[in-house]
């Protein structure tokens, strides 16, 4: 069983991640490895939109 404190800690970390930045063109992008395939999808989307070379 996960404790209430562990859930609160996990929520704090999860809520920290969204940066709410506006994407803009740049010279390089790094898509860090993840089991979440949306990371790779987002990197490809930026490439296809010409945001990274």
PDB file of N, CA and C in Angstrom:
ATOM      1  N   UNK A   1       0.853  -1.177   0.000  1.00  0.00           N
ATOM      2  CA  UNK A   1       0.000   0.000   0.000  1.00  0.00           C
ATOM      3  C   UNK A   1       0.898   1.239   0.000  1.00  0.00           C
ATOM      4  N   UNK A   2       0.531   2.208  -0.797  1.00  0.00           N
ATOM      5  CA  UNK A   2       1.298   3.460  -0.870  1.00  0.00           C
ATOM      6  C   UNK A   2       0.742   4.429   0.166  1.00  0.00           C
ATOM      7  N   UNK A   3       1.639   5.008   0.935  1.00  0.00           N
ATOM      8  CA  UNK A   3       1.205   5.908   2.005  1.00  0.00           C
ATOM      9  C   UNK A   3       0.680   7.228   1.432  1.00  0.00           C
ATOM     10  N   UNK A   4      -0.090   7.911   2.246  1.00  0.00           N
ATOM     11  CA  UNK A   4      -0.613   9.223   1.869  1.00  0.00           C
ATOM     12  C   UNK A   4       0.537  10.179   1.578  1.00  0.00           C
ATOM     13  N   UNK A   5       1.602  10.105   2.379  1.00  0.00           N
ATOM     14  CA  UNK A   5       2.757  10.986   2.166  1.00  0.00           C
ATOM     15  C   UNK A   5       3.450  10.672   0.842  1.00  0.00           C
ATOM     16  N   UNK A   6       3.581   9.389   0.498  1.00  0.00           N
ATOM     17  CA  UNK A   6       4.206   9.013  -0.775  1.00  0.00           C
ATOM     18  C   UNK A   6       3.385   9.535  -1.953  1.00  0.00           C
ATOM     19  N   UNK A   7       2.039   9.434  -1.857  1.00  0.00           N
ATOM     20  CA  UNK A   7       1.185   9.972  -2.915  1.00  0.00           C
ATOM     21  C   UNK A   7       1.354  11.485  -3.025  1.00  0.00           C
ATOM     22  N   UNK A   8       1.420  12.170  -1.904  1.00  0.00           N
ATOM     23  CA  UNK A   8       1.587  13.628  -1.909  1.00  0.00           C
ATOM     24  C   UNK A   8       2.931  14.005  -2.525  1.00  0.00           C
ATOM     25  N   UNK A   9       3.977  13.264  -2.182  1.00  0.00           N
ATOM     26  CA  UNK A   9       5.303  13.527  -2.759  1.00  0.00           C
ATOM     27  C   UNK A   9       5.302  13.290  -4.264  1.00  0.00           C
ATOM     28  N   UNK A  10       4.675  12.198  -4.696  1.00  0.00           N
ATOM     29  CA  UNK A  10       4.601  11.896  -6.126  1.00  0.00           C
ATOM     30  C   UNK A  10       3.823  12.971  -6.868  1.00  0.00           C
ATOM     31  N   UNK A  11       2.725  13.437  -6.289  1.00  0.00           N
ATOM     32  CA  UNK A  11       1.918  14.488  -6.915  1.00  0.00           C
ATOM     33  C   UNK A  11       2.721  15.774  -7.054  1.00  0.00           C
ATOM     34  N   UNK A  12       3.484  16.117  -6.032  1.00  0.00           N
ATOM     35  CA  UNK A  12       4.295  17.342  -6.082  1.00  0.00           C
ATOM     36  C   UNK A  12       5.315  17.254  -7.221  1.00  0.00           C
ATOM     37  N   UNK A  13       5.958  16.109  -7.350  1.00  0.00           N
ATOM     38  CA  UNK A  13       6.934  15.911  -8.424  1.00  0.00           C
ATOM     39  C   UNK A  13       6.244  15.948  -9.782  1.00  0.00           C
ATOM     40  N   UNK A  14       5.103  15.276  -9.919  1.00  0.00           N
ATOM     41  CA  UNK A  14       4.364  15.246 -11.180  1.00  0.00           C
ATOM     42  C   UNK A  14       3.931  16.659 -11.584  1.00  0.00           C
ATOM     43  N   UNK A  15       3.418  17.431 -10.645  1.00  0.00           N
ATOM     44  CA  UNK A  15       2.948  18.784 -10.930  1.00  0.00           C
ATOM     45  C   UNK A  15       4.092  19.729 -11.270  1.00  0.00           C
ATOM     46  N   UNK A  16       5.310  19.390 -10.870  1.00  0.00           N
ATOM     47  CA  UNK A  16       6.480  20.227 -11.137  1.00  0.00           C
ATOM     48  C   UNK A  16       6.886  20.159 -12.612  1.00  0.00           C
ATOM     49  N   UNK A  17       6.651  19.020 -13.261  1.00  0.00           N
ATOM     50  CA  UNK A  17       7.158  18.789 -14.609  1.00  0.00           C
ATOM     51  C   UNK A  17       6.615  19.714 -15.698  1.00  0.00           C
ATOM     52  N   UNK A  18       5.308  20.008 -15.760  1.00  0.00           N
ATOM     53  CA  UNK A  18       4.825  20.871 -16.840  1.00  0.00           C
ATOM     54  C   UNK A  18       5.455  22.260 -16.754  1.00  0.00           C
ATOM     55  N   UNK A  19       6.138  22.651 -17.812  1.00  0.00           N
ATOM     56  CA  UNK A  19       6.841  23.936 -17.807  1.00  0.00           C
ATOM     57  C   UNK A  19       5.977  25.071 -18.361  1.00  0.00           C
ATOM     58  N   UNK A  20       4.960  24.742 -19.161  1.00  0.00           N
ATOM     59  CA  UNK A  20       4.054  25.730 -19.743  1.00  0.00           C
ATOM     60  C   UNK A  20       4.801  26.748 -20.603  1.00  0.00           C
ATOM     61  N   UNK A  21       5.889  26.325 -21.247  1.00  0.00           N
ATOM     62  CA  UNK A  21       6.634  27.201 -22.150  1.00  0.00           C
ATOM     63  C   UNK A  21       6.018  27.158 -23.536  1.00  0.00           C
ATOM     64  N   UNK A  22       6.135  28.249 -24.267  1.00  0.00           N
ATOM     65  CA  UNK A  22       5.730  28.268 -25.663  1.00  0.00           C
ATOM     66  C   UNK A  22       6.882  27.704 -26.487  1.00  0.00           C
ATOM     67  N   UNK A  23       6.663  26.645 -27.264  1.00  0.00           N
ATOM     68  CA  UNK A  23       7.736  26.113 -28.107  1.00  0.00           C
ATOM     69  C   UNK A  23       8.193  27.160 -29.118  1.00  0.00           C
ATOM     70  N   UNK A  24       9.502  27.201 -29.369  1.00  0.00           N
ATOM     71  CA  UNK A  24      10.058  28.104 -30.371  1.00  0.00           C
ATOM     72  C   UNK A  24      11.207  27.398 -31.061  1.00  0.00           C
ATOM     73  N   UNK A  25      11.514  27.790 -32.292  1.00  0.00           N
ATOM     74  CA  UNK A  25      12.601  27.131 -33.009  1.00  0.00           C
ATOM     75  C   UNK A  25      13.913  27.209 -32.231  1.00  0.00           C
ATOM     76  N   UNK A  26      14.716  26.144 -32.355  1.00  0.00           N
ATOM     77  CA  UNK A  26      16.012  26.115 -31.704  1.00  0.00           C
ATOM     78  C   UNK A  26      16.971  25.270 -32.548  1.00  0.00           C
ATOM     79  N   UNK A  27      18.232  25.246 -32.170  1.00  0.00           N
ATOM     80  CA  UNK A  27      19.242  24.559 -32.975  1.00  0.00           C
ATOM     81  C   UNK A  27      19.382  23.079 -32.627  1.00  0.00           C
ATOM     82  N   UNK A  28      18.890  22.674 -31.479  1.00  0.00           N
ATOM     83  CA  UNK A  28      18.985  21.263 -31.091  1.00  0.00           C
ATOM     84  C   UNK A  28      17.851  20.929 -30.117  1.00  0.00           C
ATOM     85  N   UNK A  29      17.409  19.687 -30.167  1.00  0.00           N
ATOM     86  CA  UNK A  29      16.398  19.212 -29.221  1.00  0.00           C
ATOM     87  C   UNK A  29      16.837  17.838 -28.710  1.00  0.00           C
ATOM     88  N   UNK A  30      16.562  17.574 -27.448  1.00  0.00           N
ATOM     89  CA  UNK A  30      16.889  16.287 -26.848  1.00  0.00           C
ATOM     90  C   UNK A  30      15.603  15.711 -26.273  1.00  0.00           C
ATOM     91  N   UNK A  31      15.209  14.553 -26.770  1.00  0.00           N
ATOM     92  CA  UNK A  31      14.054  13.847 -26.219  1.00  0.00           C
ATOM     93  C   UNK A  31      14.568  12.754 -25.295  1.00  0.00           C
ATOM     94  N   UNK A  32      14.500  12.972 -24.008  1.00  0.00           N
ATOM     95  CA  UNK A  32      15.026  12.007 -23.051  1.00  0.00           C
ATOM     96  C   UNK A  32      14.218  10.719 -23.073  1.00  0.00           C
ATOM     97  N   UNK A  33      14.863   9.605 -22.894  1.00  0.00           N
ATOM     98  CA  UNK A  33      14.217   8.296 -22.918  1.00  0.00           C
ATOM     99  C   UNK A  33      13.104   8.187 -21.900  1.00  0.00           C
ATOM    100  N   UNK A  34      12.054   7.467 -22.291  1.00  0.00           N
ATOM    101  CA  UNK A  34      10.906   7.327 -21.409  1.00  0.00           C
ATOM    102  C   UNK A  34      10.052   6.159 -21.892  1.00  0.00           C
ATOM    103  N   UNK A  35       9.270   5.588 -20.999  1.00  0.00           N
ATOM    104  CA  UNK A  35       8.291   4.586 -21.407  1.00  0.00           C
ATOM    105  C   UNK A  35       7.052   5.260 -21.983  1.00  0.00           C
ATOM    106  N   UNK A  36       6.968   6.577 -21.834  1.00  0.00           N
ATOM    107  CA  UNK A  36       5.853   7.355 -22.359  1.00  0.00           C
ATOM    108  C   UNK A  36       6.165   7.714 -23.811  1.00  0.00           C
ATOM    109  N   UNK A  37       5.492   7.072 -24.753  1.00  0.00           N
ATOM    110  CA  UNK A  37       5.784   7.283 -26.169  1.00  0.00           C
ATOM    111  C   UNK A  37       5.451   8.688 -26.656  1.00  0.00           C
ATOM    112  N   UNK A  38       4.703   9.457 -25.880  1.00  0.00           N
ATOM    113  CA  UNK A  38       4.404  10.828 -26.301  1.00  0.00           C
ATOM    114  C   UNK A  38       5.661  11.690 -26.317  1.00  0.00           C
ATOM    115  N   UNK A  39       6.708  11.287 -25.593  1.00  0.00           N
ATOM    116  CA  UNK A  39       7.981  12.017 -25.637  1.00  0.00           C
ATOM    117  C   UNK A  39       8.552  11.943 -27.058  1.00  0.00           C
ATOM    118  N   UNK A  40       8.615  10.740 -27.616  1.00  0.00           N
ATOM    119  CA  UNK A  40       9.114  10.567 -28.987  1.00  0.00           C
ATOM    120  C   UNK A  40       8.181  11.243 -29.986  1.00  0.00           C
ATOM    121  N   UNK A  41       6.871  11.115 -29.798  1.00  0.00           N
ATOM    122  CA  UNK A  41       5.910  11.755 -30.706  1.00  0.00           C
ATOM    123  C   UNK A  41       6.093  13.269 -30.728  1.00  0.00           C
ATOM    124  N   UNK A  42       6.315  13.854 -29.578  1.00  0.00           N
ATOM    125  CA  UNK A  42       6.504  15.304 -29.499  1.00  0.00           C
ATOM    126  C   UNK A  42       7.800  15.724 -30.177  1.00  0.00           C
ATOM    127  N   UNK A  43       8.871  14.964 -29.980  1.00  0.00           N
ATOM    128  CA  UNK A  43      10.144  15.278 -30.645  1.00  0.00           C
ATOM    129  C   UNK A  43       9.982  15.231 -32.164  1.00  0.00           C
ATOM    130  N   UNK A  44       9.294  14.210 -32.665  1.00  0.00           N
ATOM    131  CA  UNK A  44       9.053  14.089 -34.109  1.00  0.00           C
ATOM    132  C   UNK A  44       8.185  15.246 -34.600  1.00  0.00           C
ATOM    133  N   UNK A  45       7.176  15.604 -33.831  1.00  0.00           N
ATOM    134  CA  UNK A  45       6.300  16.715 -34.206  1.00  0.00           C
ATOM    135  C   UNK A  45       7.092  18.011 -34.342  1.00  0.00           C
ATOM    136  N   UNK A  46       7.973  18.281 -33.383  1.00  0.00           N
ATOM    137  CA  UNK A  46       8.801  19.494 -33.474  1.00  0.00           C
ATOM    138  C   UNK A  46       9.678  19.464 -34.720  1.00  0.00           C
ATOM    139  N   UNK A  47      10.260  18.305 -35.016  1.00  0.00           N
ATOM    140  CA  UNK A  47      11.102  18.170 -36.202  1.00  0.00           C
ATOM    141  C   UNK A  47      10.279  18.425 -37.475  1.00  0.00           C
ATOM    142  N   UNK A  48       9.129  17.797 -37.577  1.00  0.00           N
ATOM    143  CA  UNK A  48       8.302  17.933 -38.770  1.00  0.00           C
ATOM    144  C   UNK A  48       7.785  19.363 -38.957  1.00  0.00           C
ATOM    145  N   UNK A  49       7.607  20.067 -37.860  1.00  0.00           N
ATOM    146  CA  UNK A  49       7.158  21.477 -37.933  1.00  0.00           C
ATOM    147  C   UNK A  49       8.310  22.427 -38.202  1.00  0.00           C
ATOM    148  N   UNK A  50       9.534  21.889 -38.340  1.00  0.00           N
ATOM    149  CA  UNK A  50      10.691  22.740 -38.627  1.00  0.00           C
ATOM    150  C   UNK A  50      11.212  23.495 -37.420  1.00  0.00           C
ATOM    151  N   UNK A  51      10.864  23.029 -36.226  1.00  0.00           N
ATOM    152  CA  UNK A  51      11.305  23.726 -35.014  1.00  0.00           C
ATOM    153  C   UNK A  51      12.752  23.389 -34.661  1.00  0.00           C
ATOM    154  N   UNK A  52      13.225  22.203 -35.120  1.00  0.00           N
ATOM    155  CA  UNK A  52      14.618  21.787 -34.906  1.00  0.00           C
ATOM    156  C   UNK A  52      15.129  21.200 -36.225  1.00  0.00           C
ATOM    157  N   UNK A  53      16.424  21.347 -36.509  1.00  0.00           N
ATOM    158  CA  UNK A  53      16.971  20.812 -37.767  1.00  0.00           C
ATOM    159  C   UNK A  53      17.084  19.284 -37.757  1.00  0.00           C
TER     160      UNK A  53
END
